[in-house]
Amino acid sequence: MIPLRDHREPETFPLVNYSLLIANILIFAYSFTLSLPELSEFIATYAAVPFDIIRGNNLYSIFSSMFIHGSLLHLFGNMLFLYVFGTNLEDIFGHISYLAFYLLTGTIAMLLQVFLTADSAVPIVGASGAIAGVLGGYLVLFPRQRVDVIIPIGFILKQATVPAYVMLFFWIVFQLLQGFGAVSLEANGVAYFAHIGGFLAGVFLALFFRPAIVSAQEA
């Protein structure tokens, strides 16, 4: 399922979410201005390489790698999910808490992937782990919120409206099947266990903070 929009209008302007979108797009655009040797150096410097991180090197890349994408399709997919699901999560958490939530779930996601591929020298890039955290948080806080999605059926694209928990259930099942069914944890160049780790981190953090959020809303 490909999300298009949800049906909840936020009460606050999603400053952080839009800033994250713009930052990711600008960095991707900047990478297009680099020559091939410059791009290789850029990736080597800012992408997360498990072999290096597990040995205490380039630890900053755990964060910098969240803002680098390998292709236009990679960027578009991540930014679409962030746009649809991040706006209302920021509305509930507040700007600073949402940013902390985003970075923390992204960090947990990356550390899980690094731990499971400790000897890998393949660079890991993308905001997928942090965005998976956003999806996990959304599932906890807005499980029944209606979401417009596109469902590919063969060569036909069908639009439908489903509860968030339905769409996110299919998303996490796909990640689990791809992750555990892969011969390599980096099958097809996708860090599926970072997605799973980020999602679970988002779920647990949202469950932890939900009582405080509910109390604030009732006050």
N, C-alpha and C. Protein backbone atom coordinates (compact mmCIF):
# COMPACT_ATOMS: atom_id res chain seq x y z
N MET A 1 0.83 -1.19 0.00
CA MET A 1 0.00 0.00 0.00
C MET A 1 0.87 1.26 0.00
N ILE A 2 0.47 2.23 -0.81
CA ILE A 2 1.20 3.49 -0.89
C ILE A 2 0.34 4.58 -0.27
N PRO A 3 0.78 5.20 0.82
CA PRO A 3 -0.06 6.22 1.47
C PRO A 3 -0.10 7.52 0.67
N LEU A 4 -1.24 8.18 0.70
CA LEU A 4 -1.40 9.47 0.05
C LEU A 4 -1.61 10.59 1.06
N ARG A 5 -2.47 10.35 2.04
CA ARG A 5 -2.78 11.37 3.05
C ARG A 5 -3.57 10.71 4.18
N ASP A 6 -3.54 11.34 5.35
CA ASP A 6 -4.46 10.91 6.40
C ASP A 6 -5.55 11.96 6.54
N HIS A 7 -6.56 11.66 7.37
CA HIS A 7 -7.74 12.52 7.44
C HIS A 7 -7.76 13.41 8.68
N ARG A 8 -6.64 13.50 9.36
CA ARG A 8 -6.57 14.36 10.55
C ARG A 8 -5.82 15.64 10.24
N GLU A 9 -6.43 16.76 10.52
CA GLU A 9 -5.79 18.05 10.32
C GLU A 9 -5.03 18.45 11.58
N PRO A 10 -3.72 18.70 11.49
CA PRO A 10 -2.97 19.09 12.69
C PRO A 10 -3.38 20.47 13.18
N GLU A 11 -3.25 20.68 14.48
CA GLU A 11 -3.59 21.97 15.07
C GLU A 11 -2.41 22.93 15.08
N THR A 12 -1.20 22.41 14.87
CA THR A 12 0.00 23.25 14.85
C THR A 12 0.74 23.07 13.52
N PHE A 13 1.52 24.06 13.17
CA PHE A 13 2.30 23.98 11.94
C PHE A 13 3.44 23.00 12.14
N PRO A 14 3.60 22.00 11.25
CA PRO A 14 4.63 20.96 11.43
C PRO A 14 6.03 21.46 11.03
N LEU A 15 6.56 22.37 11.80
CA LEU A 15 7.84 23.01 11.47
C LEU A 15 8.97 21.99 11.35
N VAL A 16 9.08 21.09 12.31
CA VAL A 16 10.17 20.12 12.31
C VAL A 16 10.02 19.14 11.15
N ASN A 17 8.82 18.65 10.94
CA ASN A 17 8.61 17.67 9.87
C ASN A 17 8.94 18.27 8.51
N TYR A 18 8.48 19.50 8.27
CA TYR A 18 8.80 20.16 7.00
C TYR A 18 10.30 20.44 6.89
N SER A 19 10.93 20.78 8.01
CA SER A 19 12.37 21.04 7.99
C SER A 19 13.14 19.77 7.65
N LEU A 20 12.70 18.63 8.19
CA LEU A 20 13.33 17.35 7.86
C LEU A 20 13.16 17.02 6.38
N LEU A 21 11.98 17.26 5.86
CA LEU A 21 11.72 17.03 4.43
C LEU A 21 12.65 17.88 3.58
N ILE A 22 12.73 19.16 3.89
CA ILE A 22 13.56 20.08 3.11
C ILE A 22 15.03 19.71 3.22
N ALA A 23 15.49 19.37 4.42
CA ALA A 23 16.90 19.01 4.61
C ALA A 23 17.27 17.79 3.78
N ASN A 24 16.42 16.78 3.80
CA ASN A 24 16.71 15.57 3.01
C ASN A 24 16.72 15.87 1.52
N ILE A 25 15.79 16.68 1.05
CA ILE A 25 15.72 17.01 -0.37
C ILE A 25 16.93 17.83 -0.79
N LEU A 26 17.31 18.82 0.02
CA LEU A 26 18.44 19.68 -0.31
C LEU A 26 19.75 18.89 -0.34
N ILE A 27 19.93 17.99 0.61
CA ILE A 27 21.16 17.19 0.63
C ILE A 27 21.22 16.26 -0.57
N PHE A 28 20.07 15.70 -0.95
CA PHE A 28 20.05 14.85 -2.14
C PHE A 28 20.36 15.68 -3.38
N ALA A 29 19.80 16.89 -3.47
CA ALA A 29 20.08 17.77 -4.60
C ALA A 29 21.56 18.14 -4.64
N TYR A 30 22.14 18.40 -3.48
CA TYR A 30 23.57 18.72 -3.41
C TYR A 30 24.41 17.57 -3.94
N SER A 31 24.02 16.33 -3.63
CA SER A 31 24.81 15.18 -4.09
C SER A 31 24.86 15.10 -5.61
N PHE A 32 23.84 15.66 -6.27
CA PHE A 32 23.81 15.66 -7.73
C PHE A 32 24.84 16.62 -8.32
N THR A 33 25.29 17.59 -7.53
CA THR A 33 26.26 18.55 -8.03
C THR A 33 27.69 18.03 -7.95
N LEU A 34 27.88 16.88 -7.30
CA LEU A 34 29.22 16.35 -7.07
C LEU A 34 29.68 15.48 -8.23
N SER A 35 30.95 15.54 -8.50
CA SER A 35 31.53 14.61 -9.47
C SER A 35 31.55 13.22 -8.85
N LEU A 36 31.82 12.20 -9.66
CA LEU A 36 31.82 10.84 -9.15
C LEU A 36 32.83 10.63 -8.03
N PRO A 37 34.07 11.12 -8.17
CA PRO A 37 35.02 10.98 -7.05
C PRO A 37 34.56 11.74 -5.81
N GLU A 38 33.98 12.94 -6.01
CA GLU A 38 33.49 13.72 -4.86
C GLU A 38 32.32 13.01 -4.19
N LEU A 39 31.45 12.41 -4.99
CA LEU A 39 30.30 11.69 -4.43
C LEU A 39 30.76 10.47 -3.64
N SER A 40 31.76 9.78 -4.17
CA SER A 40 32.30 8.61 -3.45
C SER A 40 32.88 9.02 -2.12
N GLU A 41 33.58 10.16 -2.10
CA GLU A 41 34.17 10.65 -0.85
C GLU A 41 33.06 11.09 0.12
N PHE A 42 32.01 11.71 -0.41
CA PHE A 42 30.88 12.16 0.39
C PHE A 42 30.21 10.97 1.08
N ILE A 43 29.97 9.91 0.32
CA ILE A 43 29.35 8.70 0.87
C ILE A 43 30.27 8.05 1.91
N ALA A 44 31.56 7.97 1.58
CA ALA A 44 32.51 7.35 2.50
C ALA A 44 32.60 8.11 3.81
N THR A 45 32.40 9.42 3.76
CA THR A 45 32.53 10.26 4.95
C THR A 45 31.28 10.25 5.81
N TYR A 46 30.09 10.30 5.18
CA TYR A 46 28.86 10.53 5.94
C TYR A 46 27.92 9.33 6.01
N ALA A 47 28.13 8.30 5.20
CA ALA A 47 27.29 7.11 5.30
C ALA A 47 27.75 6.26 6.47
N ALA A 48 26.85 5.44 6.99
CA ALA A 48 27.17 4.58 8.13
C ALA A 48 27.73 3.25 7.64
N VAL A 49 28.94 2.94 8.02
CA VAL A 49 29.58 1.67 7.65
C VAL A 49 29.70 0.83 8.92
N PRO A 50 28.97 -0.28 9.00
CA PRO A 50 28.99 -1.08 10.24
C PRO A 50 30.38 -1.47 10.72
N PHE A 51 31.25 -1.86 9.80
CA PHE A 51 32.60 -2.29 10.16
C PHE A 51 33.33 -1.19 10.93
N ASP A 52 33.12 0.07 10.51
CA ASP A 52 33.79 1.19 11.17
C ASP A 52 33.11 1.54 12.50
N ILE A 53 31.80 1.60 12.50
CA ILE A 53 31.06 2.02 13.69
C ILE A 53 31.27 1.06 14.84
N ILE A 54 31.26 -0.24 14.54
CA ILE A 54 31.40 -1.24 15.60
C ILE A 54 32.76 -1.15 16.27
N ARG A 55 33.70 -0.50 15.57
CA ARG A 55 35.05 -0.30 16.11
C ARG A 55 35.25 1.12 16.65
N GLY A 56 34.16 1.85 16.76
CA GLY A 56 34.22 3.18 17.37
C GLY A 56 34.64 4.28 16.44
N ASN A 57 34.65 4.04 15.14
CA ASN A 57 35.06 5.06 14.17
C ASN A 57 33.85 5.69 13.50
N ASN A 58 33.96 6.98 13.17
CA ASN A 58 32.91 7.69 12.43
C ASN A 58 31.53 7.53 13.07
N LEU A 59 31.46 7.66 14.38
CA LEU A 59 30.19 7.48 15.07
C LEU A 59 29.15 8.53 14.65
N TYR A 60 29.62 9.69 14.21
CA TYR A 60 28.69 10.74 13.75
C TYR A 60 27.86 10.28 12.56
N SER A 61 28.37 9.27 11.83
CA SER A 61 27.67 8.81 10.64
C SER A 61 26.35 8.13 10.98
N ILE A 62 26.17 7.73 12.24
CA ILE A 62 24.88 7.18 12.67
C ILE A 62 23.78 8.21 12.43
N PHE A 63 24.12 9.48 12.62
CA PHE A 63 23.15 10.56 12.40
C PHE A 63 23.20 11.10 10.97
N SER A 64 24.38 11.35 10.47
CA SER A 64 24.49 11.95 9.13
C SER A 64 23.92 11.05 8.05
N SER A 65 24.01 9.74 8.23
CA SER A 65 23.50 8.80 7.22
C SER A 65 21.99 8.90 7.06
N MET A 66 21.29 9.42 8.09
CA MET A 66 19.83 9.55 8.02
C MET A 66 19.39 10.58 6.99
N PHE A 67 20.32 11.41 6.52
CA PHE A 67 19.95 12.50 5.62
C PHE A 67 20.51 12.28 4.20
N ILE A 68 20.99 11.07 3.93
CA ILE A 68 21.54 10.75 2.61
C ILE A 68 20.69 9.67 1.98
N HIS A 69 20.39 9.81 0.68
CA HIS A 69 19.60 8.82 -0.03
C HIS A 69 20.31 8.41 -1.32
N GLY A 70 20.12 7.13 -1.67
CA GLY A 70 20.87 6.57 -2.78
C GLY A 70 20.26 6.80 -4.14
N SER A 71 18.98 7.15 -4.20
CA SER A 71 18.32 7.35 -5.49
C SER A 71 17.11 8.24 -5.30
N LEU A 72 16.58 8.74 -6.40
CA LEU A 72 15.39 9.58 -6.34
C LEU A 72 14.19 8.79 -5.82
N LEU A 73 14.08 7.53 -6.21
CA LEU A 73 12.98 6.69 -5.73
C LEU A 73 13.09 6.45 -4.22
N HIS A 74 14.31 6.21 -3.75
CA HIS A 74 14.57 6.04 -2.33
C HIS A 74 14.13 7.28 -1.55
N LEU A 75 14.52 8.44 -2.05
CA LEU A 75 14.16 9.70 -1.41
C LEU A 75 12.65 9.91 -1.43
N PHE A 76 12.04 9.71 -2.60
CA PHE A 76 10.60 9.97 -2.74
C PHE A 76 9.78 9.09 -1.80
N GLY A 77 10.11 7.81 -1.75
CA GLY A 77 9.37 6.89 -0.88
C GLY A 77 9.47 7.29 0.57
N ASN A 78 10.68 7.60 1.03
CA ASN A 78 10.86 7.99 2.42
C ASN A 78 10.15 9.29 2.75
N MET A 79 10.27 10.27 1.87
CA MET A 79 9.67 11.58 2.14
C MET A 79 8.14 11.51 2.09
N LEU A 80 7.59 10.65 1.24
CA LEU A 80 6.14 10.49 1.18
C LEU A 80 5.61 9.96 2.52
N PHE A 81 6.24 8.92 3.04
CA PHE A 81 5.81 8.36 4.32
C PHE A 81 6.01 9.38 5.45
N LEU A 82 7.10 10.11 5.42
CA LEU A 82 7.36 11.12 6.45
C LEU A 82 6.30 12.22 6.39
N TYR A 83 5.96 12.64 5.20
CA TYR A 83 4.96 13.71 5.02
C TYR A 83 3.59 13.26 5.53
N VAL A 84 3.18 12.05 5.19
CA VAL A 84 1.85 11.57 5.55
C VAL A 84 1.73 11.33 7.05
N PHE A 85 2.75 10.69 7.64
CA PHE A 85 2.61 10.23 9.02
C PHE A 85 3.31 11.10 10.05
N GLY A 86 4.28 11.90 9.63
CA GLY A 86 5.04 12.69 10.61
C GLY A 86 4.33 13.94 11.09
N THR A 87 3.48 14.52 10.24
CA THR A 87 2.84 15.80 10.57
C THR A 87 2.03 15.73 11.85
N ASN A 88 1.15 14.73 11.94
CA ASN A 88 0.29 14.64 13.12
C ASN A 88 1.02 14.10 14.34
N LEU A 89 2.10 13.35 14.12
CA LEU A 89 2.89 12.91 15.26
C LEU A 89 3.58 14.12 15.91
N GLU A 90 4.08 15.02 15.09
CA GLU A 90 4.67 16.25 15.63
C GLU A 90 3.62 17.08 16.34
N ASP A 91 2.40 17.11 15.80
CA ASP A 91 1.32 17.87 16.41
C ASP A 91 1.04 17.37 17.82
N ILE A 92 1.13 16.07 18.05
CA ILE A 92 0.86 15.48 19.36
C ILE A 92 2.06 15.62 20.30
N PHE A 93 3.26 15.35 19.78
CA PHE A 93 4.46 15.37 20.62
C PHE A 93 4.94 16.79 20.94
N GLY A 94 4.75 17.70 20.01
CA GLY A 94 5.39 19.00 20.11
C GLY A 94 6.69 18.99 19.31
N HIS A 95 7.17 20.14 18.93
CA HIS A 95 8.28 20.24 17.99
C HIS A 95 9.56 19.58 18.50
N ILE A 96 10.00 19.97 19.68
CA ILE A 96 11.28 19.47 20.20
C ILE A 96 11.20 17.98 20.51
N SER A 97 10.14 17.56 21.15
CA SER A 97 9.99 16.15 21.49
C SER A 97 9.90 15.28 20.24
N TYR A 98 9.24 15.80 19.22
CA TYR A 98 9.14 15.04 17.97
C TYR A 98 10.51 14.87 17.32
N LEU A 99 11.31 15.93 17.30
CA LEU A 99 12.65 15.84 16.74
C LEU A 99 13.48 14.83 17.51
N ALA A 100 13.39 14.86 18.84
CA ALA A 100 14.12 13.89 19.67
C ALA A 100 13.64 12.47 19.38
N PHE A 101 12.34 12.30 19.25
CA PHE A 101 11.76 10.99 18.93
C PHE A 101 12.28 10.49 17.59
N TYR A 102 12.29 11.34 16.60
CA TYR A 102 12.75 10.99 15.25
C TYR A 102 14.21 10.54 15.27
N LEU A 103 15.06 11.34 15.88
CA LEU A 103 16.49 11.03 15.91
C LEU A 103 16.79 9.80 16.76
N LEU A 104 16.06 9.64 17.87
CA LEU A 104 16.30 8.49 18.75
C LEU A 104 15.89 7.18 18.07
N THR A 105 14.72 7.16 17.46
CA THR A 105 14.30 5.92 16.78
C THR A 105 15.21 5.62 15.59
N GLY A 106 15.66 6.67 14.90
CA GLY A 106 16.60 6.46 13.80
C GLY A 106 17.93 5.90 14.28
N THR A 107 18.37 6.37 15.44
CA THR A 107 19.62 5.88 16.02
C THR A 107 19.49 4.42 16.43
N ILE A 108 18.39 4.08 17.09
CA ILE A 108 18.17 2.69 17.50
C ILE A 108 18.11 1.78 16.29
N ALA A 109 17.42 2.23 15.25
CA ALA A 109 17.32 1.45 14.02
C ALA A 109 18.70 1.19 13.42
N MET A 110 19.51 2.23 13.35
CA MET A 110 20.84 2.08 12.76
C MET A 110 21.73 1.18 13.61
N LEU A 111 21.66 1.32 14.93
CA LEU A 111 22.49 0.49 15.80
C LEU A 111 22.12 -0.99 15.69
N LEU A 112 20.85 -1.28 15.52
CA LEU A 112 20.45 -2.68 15.33
C LEU A 112 21.02 -3.23 14.04
N GLN A 113 20.93 -2.44 12.97
CA GLN A 113 21.47 -2.89 11.69
C GLN A 113 22.99 -3.07 11.76
N VAL A 114 23.65 -2.14 12.43
CA VAL A 114 25.11 -2.23 12.59
C VAL A 114 25.48 -3.48 13.37
N PHE A 115 24.76 -3.74 14.46
CA PHE A 115 25.04 -4.91 15.29
C PHE A 115 24.88 -6.20 14.49
N LEU A 116 23.85 -6.26 13.66
CA LEU A 116 23.57 -7.49 12.91
C LEU A 116 24.45 -7.67 11.67
N THR A 117 25.11 -6.59 11.26
CA THR A 117 26.00 -6.66 10.09
C THR A 117 27.36 -6.09 10.45
N ALA A 118 27.88 -6.49 11.59
CA ALA A 118 29.07 -5.85 12.17
C ALA A 118 30.29 -5.91 11.27
N ASP A 119 30.41 -6.91 10.43
CA ASP A 119 31.59 -7.05 9.57
C ASP A 119 31.39 -6.46 8.18
N SER A 120 30.25 -5.83 7.95
CA SER A 120 29.95 -5.30 6.63
C SER A 120 30.65 -3.97 6.38
N ALA A 121 31.21 -3.83 5.18
CA ALA A 121 31.81 -2.56 4.78
C ALA A 121 30.91 -1.82 3.80
N VAL A 122 29.67 -2.29 3.66
CA VAL A 122 28.72 -1.65 2.74
C VAL A 122 28.10 -0.44 3.44
N PRO A 123 28.19 0.77 2.84
CA PRO A 123 27.62 1.96 3.47
C PRO A 123 26.10 1.87 3.56
N ILE A 124 25.55 2.34 4.68
CA ILE A 124 24.10 2.38 4.89
C ILE A 124 23.66 3.84 4.87
N VAL A 125 22.67 4.15 4.05
CA VAL A 125 22.16 5.51 3.98
C VAL A 125 20.63 5.48 4.00
N GLY A 126 20.04 6.61 4.35
CA GLY A 126 18.60 6.74 4.27
C GLY A 126 17.94 7.02 5.60
N ALA A 127 16.78 7.66 5.52
CA ALA A 127 16.01 8.01 6.71
C ALA A 127 15.01 6.93 7.09
N SER A 128 15.10 5.77 6.44
CA SER A 128 14.07 4.73 6.62
C SER A 128 13.89 4.30 8.06
N GLY A 129 14.98 4.15 8.81
CA GLY A 129 14.88 3.70 10.20
C GLY A 129 14.12 4.71 11.05
N ALA A 130 14.43 5.99 10.90
CA ALA A 130 13.74 7.03 11.67
C ALA A 130 12.28 7.12 11.25
N ILE A 131 12.02 7.00 9.95
CA ILE A 131 10.64 7.08 9.47
C ILE A 131 9.85 5.86 9.92
N ALA A 132 10.51 4.71 9.99
CA ALA A 132 9.85 3.52 10.55
C ALA A 132 9.45 3.79 12.00
N GLY A 133 10.28 4.52 12.73
CA GLY A 133 9.93 4.91 14.09
C GLY A 133 8.69 5.79 14.12
N VAL A 134 8.60 6.71 13.16
CA VAL A 134 7.42 7.55 13.04
C VAL A 134 6.17 6.70 12.79
N LEU A 135 6.31 5.68 11.94
CA LEU A 135 5.17 4.80 11.66
C LEU A 135 4.75 4.04 12.91
N GLY A 136 5.73 3.56 13.69
CA GLY A 136 5.41 2.87 14.93
C GLY A 136 4.69 3.78 15.91
N GLY A 137 5.16 5.02 16.03
CA GLY A 137 4.49 5.97 16.92
C GLY A 137 3.08 6.29 16.45
N TYR A 138 2.92 6.42 15.14
CA TYR A 138 1.60 6.71 14.58
C TYR A 138 0.63 5.56 14.86
N LEU A 139 1.12 4.34 14.74
CA LEU A 139 0.27 3.18 15.00
C LEU A 139 -0.27 3.18 16.42
N VAL A 140 0.56 3.58 17.37
CA VAL A 140 0.14 3.62 18.78
C VAL A 140 -0.85 4.75 19.04
N LEU A 141 -0.58 5.93 18.48
CA LEU A 141 -1.36 7.11 18.82
C LEU A 141 -2.57 7.34 17.92
N PHE A 142 -2.52 6.84 16.68
CA PHE A 142 -3.63 7.05 15.74
C PHE A 142 -4.00 5.75 15.02
N PRO A 143 -4.24 4.67 15.74
CA PRO A 143 -4.45 3.39 15.07
C PRO A 143 -5.65 3.35 14.15
N ARG A 144 -6.71 4.11 14.48
CA ARG A 144 -7.95 4.06 13.69
C ARG A 144 -8.11 5.25 12.75
N GLN A 145 -7.08 6.10 12.69
CA GLN A 145 -7.16 7.24 11.79
C GLN A 145 -7.26 6.76 10.35
N ARG A 146 -8.14 7.38 9.57
CA ARG A 146 -8.33 6.96 8.18
C ARG A 146 -7.19 7.48 7.32
N VAL A 147 -6.69 6.61 6.46
CA VAL A 147 -5.57 6.94 5.58
C VAL A 147 -5.96 6.57 4.15
N ASP A 148 -5.79 7.52 3.23
CA ASP A 148 -6.00 7.23 1.80
C ASP A 148 -4.75 6.56 1.26
N VAL A 149 -4.93 5.44 0.57
CA VAL A 149 -3.80 4.69 0.04
C VAL A 149 -4.06 4.28 -1.40
N ILE A 150 -2.99 3.95 -2.09
CA ILE A 150 -3.08 3.34 -3.42
C ILE A 150 -2.65 1.88 -3.27
N ILE A 151 -3.47 0.99 -3.78
CA ILE A 151 -3.19 -0.44 -3.71
C ILE A 151 -2.91 -0.97 -5.12
N PRO A 152 -1.68 -1.38 -5.40
CA PRO A 152 -1.38 -1.96 -6.72
C PRO A 152 -1.98 -3.37 -6.82
N ILE A 153 -2.82 -3.58 -7.81
CA ILE A 153 -3.39 -4.90 -8.07
C ILE A 153 -3.00 -5.27 -9.50
N GLY A 154 -1.91 -6.01 -9.63
CA GLY A 154 -1.38 -6.27 -10.97
C GLY A 154 -0.91 -4.97 -11.59
N PHE A 155 -1.48 -4.64 -12.75
CA PHE A 155 -1.13 -3.38 -13.43
C PHE A 155 -2.14 -2.28 -13.12
N ILE A 156 -3.07 -2.56 -12.22
CA ILE A 156 -4.11 -1.60 -11.88
C ILE A 156 -3.81 -0.97 -10.53
N LEU A 157 -3.97 0.34 -10.42
CA LEU A 157 -3.80 1.05 -9.16
C LEU A 157 -5.17 1.44 -8.64
N LYS A 158 -5.52 0.94 -7.46
CA LYS A 158 -6.83 1.21 -6.88
C LYS A 158 -6.67 2.07 -5.64
N GLN A 159 -7.44 3.15 -5.55
CA GLN A 159 -7.39 4.00 -4.36
C GLN A 159 -8.43 3.54 -3.36
N ALA A 160 -8.06 3.55 -2.09
CA ALA A 160 -8.97 3.14 -1.03
C ALA A 160 -8.65 3.94 0.22
N THR A 161 -9.56 3.90 1.17
CA THR A 161 -9.35 4.52 2.48
C THR A 161 -9.43 3.42 3.54
N VAL A 162 -8.38 3.29 4.34
CA VAL A 162 -8.31 2.22 5.33
C VAL A 162 -7.87 2.80 6.67
N PRO A 163 -8.15 2.12 7.77
CA PRO A 163 -7.60 2.55 9.06
C PRO A 163 -6.07 2.43 9.05
N ALA A 164 -5.41 3.29 9.79
CA ALA A 164 -3.95 3.29 9.81
C ALA A 164 -3.39 1.93 10.20
N TYR A 165 -4.06 1.25 11.15
CA TYR A 165 -3.51 -0.03 11.61
C TYR A 165 -3.49 -1.08 10.50
N VAL A 166 -4.43 -1.00 9.56
CA VAL A 166 -4.44 -1.95 8.44
C VAL A 166 -3.23 -1.71 7.53
N MET A 167 -3.04 -0.46 7.15
CA MET A 167 -1.93 -0.13 6.26
C MET A 167 -0.59 -0.45 6.90
N LEU A 168 -0.44 -0.09 8.18
CA LEU A 168 0.84 -0.30 8.87
C LEU A 168 1.06 -1.77 9.19
N PHE A 169 -0.01 -2.54 9.38
CA PHE A 169 0.14 -3.99 9.56
C PHE A 169 0.77 -4.62 8.32
N PHE A 170 0.27 -4.28 7.15
CA PHE A 170 0.83 -4.82 5.92
C PHE A 170 2.27 -4.36 5.73
N TRP A 171 2.56 -3.12 6.14
CA TRP A 171 3.93 -2.60 5.99
C TRP A 171 4.92 -3.40 6.84
N ILE A 172 4.58 -3.62 8.12
CA ILE A 172 5.53 -4.31 8.99
C ILE A 172 5.64 -5.78 8.63
N VAL A 173 4.55 -6.41 8.20
CA VAL A 173 4.62 -7.81 7.76
C VAL A 173 5.56 -7.94 6.57
N PHE A 174 5.47 -6.99 5.65
CA PHE A 174 6.37 -7.01 4.49
C PHE A 174 7.82 -6.90 4.93
N GLN A 175 8.11 -6.01 5.89
CA GLN A 175 9.48 -5.85 6.38
C GLN A 175 9.97 -7.14 7.03
N LEU A 176 9.11 -7.77 7.83
CA LEU A 176 9.49 -9.02 8.50
C LEU A 176 9.77 -10.13 7.49
N LEU A 177 8.89 -10.27 6.51
CA LEU A 177 9.08 -11.31 5.51
C LEU A 177 10.35 -11.09 4.71
N GLN A 178 10.58 -9.84 4.33
CA GLN A 178 11.78 -9.53 3.55
C GLN A 178 13.04 -9.69 4.40
N GLY A 179 12.97 -9.25 5.65
CA GLY A 179 14.15 -9.31 6.52
C GLY A 179 14.53 -10.73 6.88
N PHE A 180 13.60 -11.50 7.39
CA PHE A 180 13.91 -12.85 7.84
C PHE A 180 14.00 -13.84 6.68
N GLY A 181 13.43 -13.47 5.53
CA GLY A 181 13.51 -14.35 4.38
C GLY A 181 14.74 -14.11 3.53
N ALA A 182 15.52 -13.10 3.89
CA ALA A 182 16.69 -12.76 3.08
C ALA A 182 17.88 -13.64 3.44
N VAL A 183 18.64 -13.98 2.44
CA VAL A 183 19.88 -14.71 2.68
C VAL A 183 20.87 -13.79 3.38
N SER A 184 20.86 -12.52 3.00
CA SER A 184 21.73 -11.52 3.61
C SER A 184 20.87 -10.49 4.30
N LEU A 185 21.36 -9.92 5.39
CA LEU A 185 20.64 -8.87 6.10
C LEU A 185 20.62 -7.58 5.31
N GLU A 186 21.37 -7.53 4.22
CA GLU A 186 21.38 -6.35 3.35
C GLU A 186 20.86 -6.73 1.98
N ALA A 187 19.91 -7.64 1.93
CA ALA A 187 19.38 -8.12 0.66
C ALA A 187 18.85 -6.97 -0.17
N ASN A 188 19.20 -6.99 -1.45
CA ASN A 188 18.76 -5.96 -2.39
C ASN A 188 19.17 -4.55 -1.97
N GLY A 189 20.19 -4.45 -1.11
CA GLY A 189 20.65 -3.15 -0.68
C GLY A 189 19.73 -2.46 0.32
N VAL A 190 18.77 -3.19 0.88
CA VAL A 190 17.81 -2.60 1.82
C VAL A 190 18.08 -3.12 3.22
N ALA A 191 18.21 -2.21 4.18
CA ALA A 191 18.48 -2.60 5.57
C ALA A 191 17.15 -2.85 6.28
N TYR A 192 16.56 -4.02 6.02
CA TYR A 192 15.23 -4.30 6.56
C TYR A 192 15.21 -4.34 8.08
N PHE A 193 16.29 -4.78 8.69
CA PHE A 193 16.27 -4.86 10.15
C PHE A 193 16.38 -3.49 10.79
N ALA A 194 16.88 -2.51 10.07
CA ALA A 194 16.83 -1.14 10.55
C ALA A 194 15.38 -0.66 10.55
N HIS A 195 14.62 -1.06 9.54
CA HIS A 195 13.21 -0.69 9.47
C HIS A 195 12.46 -1.31 10.66
N ILE A 196 12.70 -2.59 10.89
CA ILE A 196 12.02 -3.29 11.98
C ILE A 196 12.40 -2.69 13.33
N GLY A 197 13.71 -2.44 13.53
CA GLY A 197 14.18 -1.86 14.78
C GLY A 197 13.60 -0.48 15.03
N GLY A 198 13.55 0.35 13.98
CA GLY A 198 12.99 1.69 14.12
C GLY A 198 11.51 1.64 14.46
N PHE A 199 10.79 0.74 13.78
CA PHE A 199 9.35 0.61 14.02
C PHE A 199 9.07 0.20 15.47
N LEU A 200 9.78 -0.82 15.95
CA LEU A 200 9.58 -1.28 17.32
C LEU A 200 9.96 -0.20 18.34
N ALA A 201 11.04 0.53 18.05
CA ALA A 201 11.44 1.62 18.93
C ALA A 201 10.34 2.68 18.98
N GLY A 202 9.76 2.99 17.83
CA GLY A 202 8.67 3.96 17.79
C GLY A 202 7.46 3.51 18.58
N VAL A 203 7.12 2.23 18.46
CA VAL A 203 5.98 1.68 19.19
C VAL A 203 6.22 1.79 20.70
N PHE A 204 7.37 1.33 21.18
CA PHE A 204 7.64 1.32 22.61
C PHE A 204 7.76 2.73 23.19
N LEU A 205 8.38 3.64 22.46
CA LEU A 205 8.50 5.01 22.95
C LEU A 205 7.13 5.69 23.01
N ALA A 206 6.31 5.46 21.99
CA ALA A 206 4.97 6.05 21.99
C ALA A 206 4.12 5.48 23.11
N LEU A 207 4.24 4.17 23.37
CA LEU A 207 3.50 3.56 24.48
C LEU A 207 3.95 4.15 25.81
N PHE A 208 5.25 4.40 25.94
CA PHE A 208 5.79 4.95 27.18
C PHE A 208 5.26 6.37 27.43
N PHE A 209 5.21 7.18 26.36
CA PHE A 209 4.83 8.58 26.52
C PHE A 209 3.33 8.82 26.35
N ARG A 210 2.57 7.80 25.91
CA ARG A 210 1.14 8.02 25.65
C ARG A 210 0.36 8.49 26.86
N PRO A 211 0.60 7.95 28.08
CA PRO A 211 -0.15 8.45 29.23
C PRO A 211 0.03 9.97 29.45
N ALA A 212 1.27 10.44 29.29
CA ALA A 212 1.54 11.87 29.47
C ALA A 212 0.86 12.68 28.38
N ILE A 213 0.84 12.15 27.16
CA ILE A 213 0.21 12.86 26.04
C ILE A 213 -1.30 12.95 26.26
N VAL A 214 -1.91 11.84 26.69
CA VAL A 214 -3.35 11.83 26.95
C VAL A 214 -3.71 12.78 28.07
N SER A 215 -2.88 12.81 29.13
CA SER A 215 -3.15 13.71 30.26
C SER A 215 -3.07 15.17 29.82
N ALA A 216 -2.09 15.47 28.96
CA ALA A 216 -1.93 16.85 28.48
C ALA A 216 -3.11 17.26 27.62
N GLN A 217 -3.65 16.33 26.83
CA GLN A 217 -4.78 16.64 25.97
C GLN A 217 -6.06 16.86 26.79
N GLU A 218 -6.18 16.16 27.91
CA GLU A 218 -7.38 16.25 28.75
C GLU A 218 -7.35 17.46 29.68
N ALA A 219 -6.14 17.99 29.90
CA ALA A 219 -6.00 19.13 30.82
C ALA A 219 -6.61 20.39 30.25
